[in-house]
N, C-alpha and C. Protein backbone atom coordinates (compact mmCIF):
# COMPACT_ATOMS: atom_id res chain seq x y z
N MET A 1 -28.47 23.53 -39.96
CA MET A 1 -27.32 22.69 -40.08
C MET A 1 -27.52 21.46 -39.19
N THR A 2 -27.25 20.31 -39.74
CA THR A 2 -27.39 19.06 -39.02
C THR A 2 -26.04 18.58 -38.53
N ARG A 3 -25.98 18.29 -37.26
CA ARG A 3 -24.73 17.76 -36.69
C ARG A 3 -24.79 16.25 -36.68
N ARG A 4 -23.72 15.66 -37.09
CA ARG A 4 -23.62 14.21 -37.03
C ARG A 4 -22.46 13.86 -36.11
N PHE A 5 -22.76 12.98 -35.18
CA PHE A 5 -21.72 12.53 -34.27
C PHE A 5 -21.20 11.19 -34.76
N GLN A 6 -19.92 11.11 -34.81
CA GLN A 6 -19.30 9.88 -35.27
C GLN A 6 -18.88 9.07 -34.05
N ALA A 7 -19.29 7.83 -34.04
CA ALA A 7 -18.90 6.94 -32.95
C ALA A 7 -17.45 6.52 -33.11
N PHE A 8 -16.76 6.38 -31.97
CA PHE A 8 -15.40 5.89 -32.02
C PHE A 8 -15.16 5.04 -30.77
N THR A 9 -14.15 4.21 -30.84
CA THR A 9 -13.88 3.28 -29.76
C THR A 9 -13.15 3.96 -28.61
N LEU A 10 -13.12 3.29 -27.48
CA LEU A 10 -12.38 3.79 -26.33
C LEU A 10 -10.90 3.88 -26.66
N GLN A 11 -10.40 2.93 -27.42
CA GLN A 11 -9.00 2.94 -27.84
C GLN A 11 -8.69 4.20 -28.65
N GLN A 12 -9.56 4.54 -29.58
CA GLN A 12 -9.36 5.75 -30.38
C GLN A 12 -9.41 7.00 -29.52
N ALA A 13 -10.33 7.03 -28.57
CA ALA A 13 -10.44 8.19 -27.68
C ALA A 13 -9.20 8.34 -26.82
N SER A 14 -8.68 7.22 -26.32
CA SER A 14 -7.50 7.29 -25.46
C SER A 14 -6.26 7.72 -26.23
N GLU A 15 -6.20 7.40 -27.51
CA GLU A 15 -5.06 7.80 -28.32
C GLU A 15 -5.04 9.31 -28.55
N GLU A 16 -6.20 9.94 -28.50
CA GLU A 16 -6.28 11.37 -28.75
C GLU A 16 -6.28 12.21 -27.48
N SER A 17 -6.38 11.57 -26.33
CA SER A 17 -6.42 12.30 -25.07
C SER A 17 -5.32 11.79 -24.15
N PRO A 18 -4.33 12.61 -23.85
CA PRO A 18 -3.26 12.17 -22.94
C PRO A 18 -3.78 11.79 -21.55
N THR A 19 -4.77 12.49 -21.07
CA THR A 19 -5.32 12.18 -19.75
C THR A 19 -5.98 10.82 -19.75
N LEU A 20 -6.79 10.56 -20.76
CA LEU A 20 -7.45 9.27 -20.86
C LEU A 20 -6.45 8.15 -21.11
N ALA A 21 -5.42 8.41 -21.89
CA ALA A 21 -4.38 7.41 -22.14
C ALA A 21 -3.67 7.05 -20.84
N GLY A 22 -3.39 8.04 -20.00
CA GLY A 22 -2.76 7.77 -18.71
C GLY A 22 -3.64 6.94 -17.80
N LEU A 23 -4.93 7.25 -17.80
CA LEU A 23 -5.88 6.50 -16.99
C LEU A 23 -5.98 5.06 -17.46
N MET A 24 -6.00 4.87 -18.76
CA MET A 24 -6.06 3.51 -19.32
C MET A 24 -4.79 2.73 -18.96
N ALA A 25 -3.65 3.38 -18.99
CA ALA A 25 -2.39 2.72 -18.64
C ALA A 25 -2.39 2.30 -17.17
N ARG A 26 -2.91 3.14 -16.30
CA ARG A 26 -2.99 2.79 -14.88
C ARG A 26 -3.93 1.63 -14.64
N ALA A 27 -5.04 1.61 -15.36
CA ALA A 27 -5.99 0.50 -15.23
C ALA A 27 -5.36 -0.81 -15.70
N ARG A 28 -4.64 -0.76 -16.82
CA ARG A 28 -3.96 -1.97 -17.33
C ARG A 28 -2.91 -2.45 -16.33
N ASP A 29 -2.16 -1.52 -15.75
CA ASP A 29 -1.14 -1.88 -14.77
C ASP A 29 -1.76 -2.58 -13.57
N GLY A 30 -2.85 -2.05 -13.07
CA GLY A 30 -3.54 -2.67 -11.93
C GLY A 30 -4.01 -4.07 -12.26
N GLN A 31 -4.57 -4.25 -13.46
CA GLN A 31 -5.03 -5.57 -13.87
C GLN A 31 -3.86 -6.55 -14.01
N MET A 32 -2.74 -6.08 -14.52
CA MET A 32 -1.57 -6.95 -14.66
C MET A 32 -1.05 -7.37 -13.28
N ARG A 33 -1.06 -6.47 -12.33
CA ARG A 33 -0.63 -6.80 -10.98
C ARG A 33 -1.56 -7.84 -10.36
N LEU A 34 -2.86 -7.64 -10.56
CA LEU A 34 -3.83 -8.59 -10.03
C LEU A 34 -3.63 -9.97 -10.64
N GLN A 35 -3.42 -10.02 -11.95
CA GLN A 35 -3.17 -11.30 -12.62
C GLN A 35 -1.92 -11.98 -12.08
N ALA A 36 -0.92 -11.20 -11.68
CA ALA A 36 0.32 -11.76 -11.16
C ALA A 36 0.13 -12.44 -9.81
N ILE A 37 -0.78 -11.92 -8.99
CA ILE A 37 -0.96 -12.50 -7.65
C ILE A 37 -2.07 -13.54 -7.57
N LEU A 38 -2.97 -13.58 -8.53
CA LEU A 38 -4.11 -14.50 -8.46
C LEU A 38 -3.71 -15.96 -8.24
N PRO A 39 -2.65 -16.46 -8.88
CA PRO A 39 -2.30 -17.87 -8.64
C PRO A 39 -1.93 -18.18 -7.19
N LEU A 40 -1.58 -17.18 -6.41
CA LEU A 40 -1.21 -17.39 -5.01
C LEU A 40 -2.43 -17.43 -4.08
N LEU A 41 -3.58 -17.04 -4.59
CA LEU A 41 -4.78 -16.91 -3.77
C LEU A 41 -5.68 -18.13 -3.91
N PRO A 42 -6.42 -18.47 -2.83
CA PRO A 42 -7.41 -19.53 -2.94
C PRO A 42 -8.45 -19.17 -4.01
N ALA A 43 -8.88 -20.16 -4.74
CA ALA A 43 -9.83 -19.94 -5.84
C ALA A 43 -11.11 -19.24 -5.36
N GLU A 44 -11.53 -19.52 -4.14
CA GLU A 44 -12.77 -18.94 -3.62
C GLU A 44 -12.65 -17.43 -3.39
N MET A 45 -11.43 -16.96 -3.18
CA MET A 45 -11.20 -15.52 -2.92
C MET A 45 -11.15 -14.69 -4.19
N ARG A 46 -10.74 -15.27 -5.26
CA ARG A 46 -10.45 -14.52 -6.49
C ARG A 46 -11.59 -13.64 -6.99
N PRO A 47 -12.84 -14.13 -6.99
CA PRO A 47 -13.92 -13.27 -7.50
C PRO A 47 -14.20 -12.05 -6.61
N ALA A 48 -13.70 -12.06 -5.38
CA ALA A 48 -13.97 -10.97 -4.44
C ALA A 48 -12.95 -9.84 -4.54
N LEU A 49 -12.02 -9.93 -5.48
CA LEU A 49 -10.96 -8.93 -5.61
C LEU A 49 -11.13 -8.11 -6.88
N GLN A 50 -10.70 -6.87 -6.79
CA GLN A 50 -10.69 -5.97 -7.94
C GLN A 50 -9.44 -5.11 -7.85
N ALA A 51 -8.77 -4.95 -8.97
CA ALA A 51 -7.55 -4.13 -8.99
C ALA A 51 -7.89 -2.67 -8.78
N GLY A 52 -7.07 -2.03 -7.98
CA GLY A 52 -7.21 -0.60 -7.74
C GLY A 52 -5.99 0.13 -8.28
N PRO A 53 -5.89 1.40 -7.97
CA PRO A 53 -4.77 2.20 -8.49
C PRO A 53 -3.47 1.96 -7.72
N SER A 54 -2.38 2.33 -8.36
CA SER A 54 -1.08 2.31 -7.69
C SER A 54 -0.50 3.72 -7.76
N GLU A 55 0.18 4.08 -6.70
CA GLU A 55 0.84 5.38 -6.67
C GLU A 55 1.95 5.36 -5.62
N GLU A 56 3.09 5.88 -6.01
CA GLU A 56 4.26 6.03 -5.14
C GLU A 56 4.61 4.75 -4.38
N GLY A 57 4.70 3.64 -5.07
CA GLY A 57 5.12 2.39 -4.46
C GLY A 57 4.04 1.62 -3.73
N SER A 58 2.84 2.14 -3.71
CA SER A 58 1.74 1.49 -3.03
C SER A 58 0.68 1.09 -4.04
N TRP A 59 0.11 -0.10 -3.87
CA TRP A 59 -0.94 -0.58 -4.77
C TRP A 59 -2.17 -0.89 -3.94
N CYS A 60 -3.33 -0.55 -4.45
CA CYS A 60 -4.59 -0.74 -3.74
C CYS A 60 -5.35 -1.92 -4.37
N ILE A 61 -5.88 -2.77 -3.50
CA ILE A 61 -6.76 -3.86 -3.94
C ILE A 61 -8.11 -3.63 -3.28
N LEU A 62 -9.16 -3.65 -4.08
CA LEU A 62 -10.52 -3.50 -3.58
C LEU A 62 -11.09 -4.89 -3.33
N VAL A 63 -11.68 -5.09 -2.15
CA VAL A 63 -12.20 -6.41 -1.79
C VAL A 63 -13.65 -6.32 -1.35
N LYS A 64 -14.34 -7.43 -1.50
CA LYS A 64 -15.73 -7.53 -1.06
C LYS A 64 -15.75 -8.30 0.25
N GLY A 65 -15.82 -7.60 1.34
CA GLY A 65 -15.98 -8.24 2.63
C GLY A 65 -14.75 -8.19 3.51
N ASN A 66 -15.02 -8.12 4.82
CA ASN A 66 -13.96 -8.03 5.81
C ASN A 66 -13.15 -9.32 5.93
N ALA A 67 -13.78 -10.46 5.74
CA ALA A 67 -13.07 -11.74 5.85
C ALA A 67 -12.00 -11.85 4.77
N VAL A 68 -12.35 -11.45 3.56
CA VAL A 68 -11.39 -11.48 2.46
C VAL A 68 -10.26 -10.49 2.73
N ALA A 69 -10.59 -9.33 3.25
CA ALA A 69 -9.57 -8.33 3.56
C ALA A 69 -8.60 -8.85 4.62
N ALA A 70 -9.12 -9.52 5.65
CA ALA A 70 -8.26 -10.05 6.70
C ALA A 70 -7.31 -11.11 6.15
N LYS A 71 -7.81 -12.00 5.33
CA LYS A 71 -6.96 -13.04 4.74
C LYS A 71 -5.91 -12.42 3.83
N LEU A 72 -6.30 -11.43 3.07
CA LEU A 72 -5.37 -10.76 2.16
C LEU A 72 -4.26 -10.05 2.94
N ARG A 73 -4.61 -9.46 4.07
CA ARG A 73 -3.60 -8.80 4.91
C ARG A 73 -2.58 -9.82 5.41
N GLN A 74 -3.05 -11.02 5.77
CA GLN A 74 -2.14 -12.07 6.20
C GLN A 74 -1.19 -12.50 5.08
N MET A 75 -1.69 -12.47 3.87
CA MET A 75 -0.92 -12.94 2.72
C MET A 75 -0.07 -11.84 2.08
N SER A 76 -0.21 -10.60 2.54
CA SER A 76 0.44 -9.48 1.86
C SER A 76 1.96 -9.59 1.73
N PRO A 77 2.71 -10.13 2.71
CA PRO A 77 4.15 -10.26 2.48
C PRO A 77 4.48 -11.16 1.27
N MET A 78 3.73 -12.24 1.12
CA MET A 78 3.93 -13.13 -0.01
C MET A 78 3.54 -12.45 -1.32
N LEU A 79 2.48 -11.68 -1.30
CA LEU A 79 2.01 -10.99 -2.50
C LEU A 79 3.01 -9.91 -2.91
N LEU A 80 3.53 -9.19 -1.94
CA LEU A 80 4.55 -8.17 -2.23
C LEU A 80 5.79 -8.80 -2.86
N ALA A 81 6.20 -9.95 -2.33
CA ALA A 81 7.37 -10.64 -2.89
C ALA A 81 7.11 -11.04 -4.34
N ARG A 82 5.90 -11.51 -4.63
CA ARG A 82 5.56 -11.91 -6.01
C ARG A 82 5.63 -10.70 -6.94
N LEU A 83 5.04 -9.58 -6.52
CA LEU A 83 5.03 -8.38 -7.35
C LEU A 83 6.45 -7.88 -7.62
N ARG A 84 7.28 -7.91 -6.58
CA ARG A 84 8.67 -7.47 -6.76
C ARG A 84 9.41 -8.41 -7.71
N ALA A 85 9.15 -9.70 -7.58
CA ALA A 85 9.80 -10.68 -8.47
C ALA A 85 9.39 -10.49 -9.92
N LYS A 86 8.18 -9.96 -10.11
CA LYS A 86 7.69 -9.71 -11.48
C LYS A 86 8.12 -8.34 -12.01
N GLY A 87 8.86 -7.56 -11.18
CA GLY A 87 9.41 -6.31 -11.67
C GLY A 87 8.74 -5.03 -11.22
N TRP A 88 7.73 -5.12 -10.38
CA TRP A 88 7.08 -3.91 -9.89
C TRP A 88 7.78 -3.43 -8.63
N ASP A 89 7.94 -2.13 -8.50
CA ASP A 89 8.55 -1.53 -7.32
C ASP A 89 7.43 -1.20 -6.33
N VAL A 90 7.01 -2.20 -5.57
CA VAL A 90 5.90 -2.05 -4.64
C VAL A 90 6.41 -2.20 -3.22
N THR A 91 6.09 -1.23 -2.38
CA THR A 91 6.51 -1.29 -0.98
C THR A 91 5.35 -1.61 -0.04
N ALA A 92 4.11 -1.43 -0.52
CA ALA A 92 2.94 -1.68 0.33
C ALA A 92 1.73 -2.03 -0.53
N ILE A 93 0.86 -2.83 0.06
CA ILE A 93 -0.44 -3.13 -0.55
C ILE A 93 -1.49 -2.57 0.39
N ARG A 94 -2.33 -1.71 -0.14
CA ARG A 94 -3.46 -1.17 0.62
C ARG A 94 -4.68 -2.01 0.27
N ILE A 95 -5.47 -2.33 1.27
CA ILE A 95 -6.67 -3.15 1.05
C ILE A 95 -7.87 -2.31 1.46
N LYS A 96 -8.77 -2.13 0.54
CA LYS A 96 -9.97 -1.33 0.80
C LYS A 96 -11.21 -2.22 0.65
N VAL A 97 -12.03 -2.24 1.67
CA VAL A 97 -13.27 -3.01 1.62
C VAL A 97 -14.32 -2.16 0.93
N GLN A 98 -14.92 -2.72 -0.11
CA GLN A 98 -15.97 -2.00 -0.85
C GLN A 98 -17.26 -2.01 -0.05
N GLY A 99 -17.99 -0.91 -0.13
CA GLY A 99 -19.28 -0.83 0.54
C GLY A 99 -20.29 -1.72 -0.13
N ARG A 100 -21.28 -2.10 0.61
CA ARG A 100 -22.34 -2.96 0.05
C ARG A 100 -23.26 -2.12 -0.82
N SER A 101 -23.69 -2.73 -1.92
CA SER A 101 -24.59 -2.02 -2.84
C SER A 101 -25.99 -2.56 -2.74
């Protein structure tokens, strides 16, 4: 007997798996939050940021480098205000520095 595997898209897979659908929704939410704050950030900082997960009122931003993390910490009150104005219930922003690869 010959088995044939049928290729399908990530969208199709997520529609059939509740776990994967939830993960995709969290990733989209993080990206939407990042897009909401990008206009407030200096253009040079933007490529160094990556959206992370959110849970229980806290959102995580992954950054490349300590200097970017320090600047982001200074700006966090303004970023929180922007997120709240856009409708997210965020009480804290966690900043995680990514390790060097």
